[in-house]
């Protein structure tokens, strides 16, 4: 399971972003699904319909972004 804290997110007023460090066999899509599930548990089911994306950094971290 990816290492991230759903309570530690970066906000710019229009979106929320989480930084996650994937386990060895996890794909970026797997990490996005886990972050999305944690956000749904925290903020409610309506965030499922928001626009979600991910970016893979050169250091291995994955930034998962939710647009409001």
N, C-alpha and C. Protein backbone atom coordinates (compact mmCIF):
# COMPACT_ATOMS: atom_id res chain seq x y z
N UNK A 1 0.84 -1.18 0.00
CA UNK A 1 0.00 0.00 0.00
C UNK A 1 0.88 1.24 0.00
N UNK A 2 0.51 2.22 -0.77
CA UNK A 2 1.28 3.46 -0.87
C UNK A 2 1.34 4.18 0.47
N UNK A 3 2.45 4.85 0.69
CA UNK A 3 2.61 5.63 1.92
C UNK A 3 2.18 7.06 1.67
N UNK A 4 1.11 7.48 2.35
CA UNK A 4 0.62 8.85 2.28
C UNK A 4 -0.27 9.09 3.49
N UNK A 5 -0.54 10.35 3.77
CA UNK A 5 -1.43 10.72 4.86
C UNK A 5 -2.55 11.56 4.26
N UNK A 6 -3.77 11.07 4.34
CA UNK A 6 -4.90 11.77 3.72
C UNK A 6 -5.12 13.14 4.36
N UNK A 7 -4.69 13.33 5.59
CA UNK A 7 -4.86 14.61 6.27
C UNK A 7 -3.83 15.65 5.84
N UNK A 8 -2.72 15.22 5.25
CA UNK A 8 -1.67 16.13 4.81
C UNK A 8 -1.79 16.34 3.31
N UNK A 9 -2.56 17.33 2.95
CA UNK A 9 -2.74 17.64 1.54
C UNK A 9 -2.34 19.09 1.29
N UNK A 10 -2.03 19.37 0.05
CA UNK A 10 -1.67 20.72 -0.38
C UNK A 10 -2.88 21.28 -1.12
N UNK A 11 -3.28 22.50 -0.78
CA UNK A 11 -4.44 23.11 -1.41
C UNK A 11 -4.05 24.44 -2.03
N UNK A 12 -4.56 24.69 -3.24
CA UNK A 12 -4.36 25.99 -3.87
C UNK A 12 -5.68 26.73 -4.03
N UNK A 13 -6.72 26.28 -3.36
CA UNK A 13 -8.03 26.88 -3.45
C UNK A 13 -8.92 26.24 -4.50
N UNK A 14 -8.33 25.66 -5.53
CA UNK A 14 -9.10 24.99 -6.58
C UNK A 14 -8.91 23.49 -6.59
N UNK A 15 -7.88 23.02 -5.92
CA UNK A 15 -7.60 21.59 -5.94
C UNK A 15 -6.90 21.16 -4.65
N UNK A 16 -6.92 19.87 -4.41
CA UNK A 16 -6.17 19.26 -3.31
C UNK A 16 -5.18 18.30 -3.93
N UNK A 17 -3.99 18.23 -3.33
CA UNK A 17 -2.95 17.36 -3.86
C UNK A 17 -2.29 16.60 -2.72
N UNK A 18 -2.07 15.32 -2.95
CA UNK A 18 -1.40 14.46 -1.98
C UNK A 18 -0.13 13.91 -2.61
N UNK A 19 0.91 13.78 -1.80
CA UNK A 19 2.14 13.12 -2.24
C UNK A 19 2.18 11.72 -1.66
N UNK A 20 2.43 10.75 -2.50
CA UNK A 20 2.43 9.35 -2.06
C UNK A 20 3.69 8.66 -2.57
N UNK A 21 4.21 7.79 -1.75
CA UNK A 21 5.35 6.97 -2.13
C UNK A 21 4.85 5.54 -2.33
N UNK A 22 4.87 5.04 -3.57
CA UNK A 22 4.32 3.70 -3.83
C UNK A 22 5.24 2.60 -3.31
N UNK A 23 4.62 1.46 -3.06
CA UNK A 23 5.38 0.26 -2.74
C UNK A 23 6.01 -0.25 -4.04
N UNK A 24 6.82 -1.25 -3.94
CA UNK A 24 7.62 -1.72 -5.07
C UNK A 24 6.80 -2.12 -6.29
N UNK A 25 5.70 -2.82 -6.10
CA UNK A 25 4.94 -3.36 -7.23
C UNK A 25 3.72 -2.52 -7.60
N UNK A 26 3.54 -1.36 -7.02
CA UNK A 26 2.35 -0.55 -7.28
C UNK A 26 2.52 0.35 -8.50
N UNK A 27 1.48 0.43 -9.27
CA UNK A 27 1.48 1.34 -10.42
C UNK A 27 0.92 2.69 -9.98
N UNK A 28 1.14 3.73 -10.76
CA UNK A 28 0.54 5.03 -10.41
C UNK A 28 -0.99 4.98 -10.32
N UNK A 29 -1.61 4.15 -11.15
CA UNK A 29 -3.06 4.01 -11.10
C UNK A 29 -3.51 3.38 -9.78
N UNK A 30 -2.74 2.39 -9.28
CA UNK A 30 -3.05 1.77 -7.99
C UNK A 30 -2.99 2.81 -6.87
N UNK A 31 -1.97 3.65 -6.91
CA UNK A 31 -1.81 4.69 -5.89
C UNK A 31 -2.96 5.68 -5.96
N UNK A 32 -3.34 6.08 -7.17
CA UNK A 32 -4.46 7.02 -7.32
C UNK A 32 -5.75 6.44 -6.75
N UNK A 33 -5.99 5.17 -6.99
CA UNK A 33 -7.19 4.51 -6.46
C UNK A 33 -7.18 4.52 -4.94
N UNK A 34 -6.04 4.27 -4.32
CA UNK A 34 -5.96 4.23 -2.86
C UNK A 34 -6.13 5.62 -2.26
N UNK A 35 -5.53 6.63 -2.89
CA UNK A 35 -5.70 8.00 -2.41
C UNK A 35 -7.15 8.43 -2.58
N UNK A 36 -7.74 8.08 -3.71
CA UNK A 36 -9.15 8.43 -3.96
C UNK A 36 -10.06 7.79 -2.92
N UNK A 37 -9.82 6.53 -2.59
CA UNK A 37 -10.64 5.84 -1.58
C UNK A 37 -10.50 6.51 -0.21
N UNK A 38 -9.29 6.91 0.15
CA UNK A 38 -9.09 7.59 1.43
C UNK A 38 -9.77 8.96 1.44
N UNK A 39 -9.73 9.67 0.31
CA UNK A 39 -10.39 10.97 0.23
C UNK A 39 -11.91 10.82 0.31
N UNK A 40 -12.44 9.77 -0.29
CA UNK A 40 -13.88 9.52 -0.21
C UNK A 40 -14.28 9.24 1.23
N UNK A 41 -13.47 8.47 1.94
CA UNK A 41 -13.76 8.18 3.34
C UNK A 41 -13.70 9.45 4.19
N UNK A 42 -12.81 10.37 3.85
CA UNK A 42 -12.65 11.60 4.64
C UNK A 42 -13.67 12.66 4.26
N UNK A 43 -13.90 12.90 2.95
CA UNK A 43 -14.70 14.02 2.50
C UNK A 43 -16.12 13.64 2.04
N UNK A 44 -16.38 12.36 1.85
CA UNK A 44 -17.70 11.93 1.41
C UNK A 44 -17.69 11.44 -0.03
N UNK A 45 -18.75 10.75 -0.40
CA UNK A 45 -18.83 10.09 -1.70
C UNK A 45 -18.87 11.06 -2.87
N UNK A 46 -19.24 12.30 -2.64
CA UNK A 46 -19.37 13.25 -3.76
C UNK A 46 -18.03 13.56 -4.42
N UNK A 47 -16.91 13.39 -3.72
CA UNK A 47 -15.60 13.67 -4.32
C UNK A 47 -15.22 12.63 -5.38
N UNK A 48 -15.93 11.51 -5.41
CA UNK A 48 -15.67 10.50 -6.44
C UNK A 48 -15.84 11.09 -7.84
N UNK A 49 -16.77 12.03 -7.98
CA UNK A 49 -17.09 12.59 -9.29
C UNK A 49 -16.20 13.77 -9.68
N UNK A 50 -15.31 14.18 -8.81
CA UNK A 50 -14.36 15.25 -9.14
C UNK A 50 -13.34 14.74 -10.16
N UNK A 51 -12.65 15.66 -10.78
CA UNK A 51 -11.61 15.30 -11.75
C UNK A 51 -10.34 14.90 -11.00
N UNK A 52 -9.82 13.71 -11.25
CA UNK A 52 -8.63 13.19 -10.59
C UNK A 52 -7.52 12.98 -11.61
N UNK A 53 -6.29 13.24 -11.18
CA UNK A 53 -5.13 12.99 -12.04
C UNK A 53 -3.94 12.65 -11.17
N UNK A 54 -2.90 12.12 -11.80
CA UNK A 54 -1.67 11.83 -11.06
C UNK A 54 -0.48 12.19 -11.93
N UNK A 55 0.63 12.50 -11.26
CA UNK A 55 1.89 12.82 -11.91
C UNK A 55 2.99 12.05 -11.21
N UNK A 56 3.85 11.40 -11.98
CA UNK A 56 4.96 10.64 -11.42
C UNK A 56 6.21 11.51 -11.47
N UNK A 57 6.84 11.72 -10.32
CA UNK A 57 8.05 12.52 -10.24
C UNK A 57 9.28 11.64 -10.46
N UNK A 58 10.39 12.26 -10.79
CA UNK A 58 11.61 11.51 -11.06
C UNK A 58 12.17 10.83 -9.81
N UNK A 59 11.78 11.30 -8.62
CA UNK A 59 12.26 10.70 -7.38
C UNK A 59 11.39 9.53 -6.91
N UNK A 60 10.36 9.18 -7.69
CA UNK A 60 9.52 8.04 -7.35
C UNK A 60 8.20 8.40 -6.69
N UNK A 61 8.09 9.61 -6.20
CA UNK A 61 6.83 10.02 -5.57
C UNK A 61 5.76 10.22 -6.64
N UNK A 62 4.52 10.05 -6.22
CA UNK A 62 3.39 10.26 -7.10
C UNK A 62 2.51 11.34 -6.48
N UNK A 63 2.23 12.37 -7.24
CA UNK A 63 1.34 13.43 -6.80
C UNK A 63 -0.05 13.12 -7.36
N UNK A 64 -1.01 12.97 -6.46
CA UNK A 64 -2.40 12.71 -6.85
C UNK A 64 -3.18 13.99 -6.60
N UNK A 65 -3.87 14.46 -7.63
CA UNK A 65 -4.56 15.74 -7.57
C UNK A 65 -6.05 15.56 -7.79
N UNK A 66 -6.83 16.26 -6.96
CA UNK A 66 -8.29 16.27 -7.09
C UNK A 66 -8.71 17.72 -7.35
N UNK A 67 -9.32 17.94 -8.51
CA UNK A 67 -9.85 19.26 -8.83
C UNK A 67 -11.26 19.37 -8.31
N UNK A 68 -11.58 20.49 -7.69
CA UNK A 68 -12.93 20.73 -7.18
C UNK A 68 -13.86 21.15 -8.27
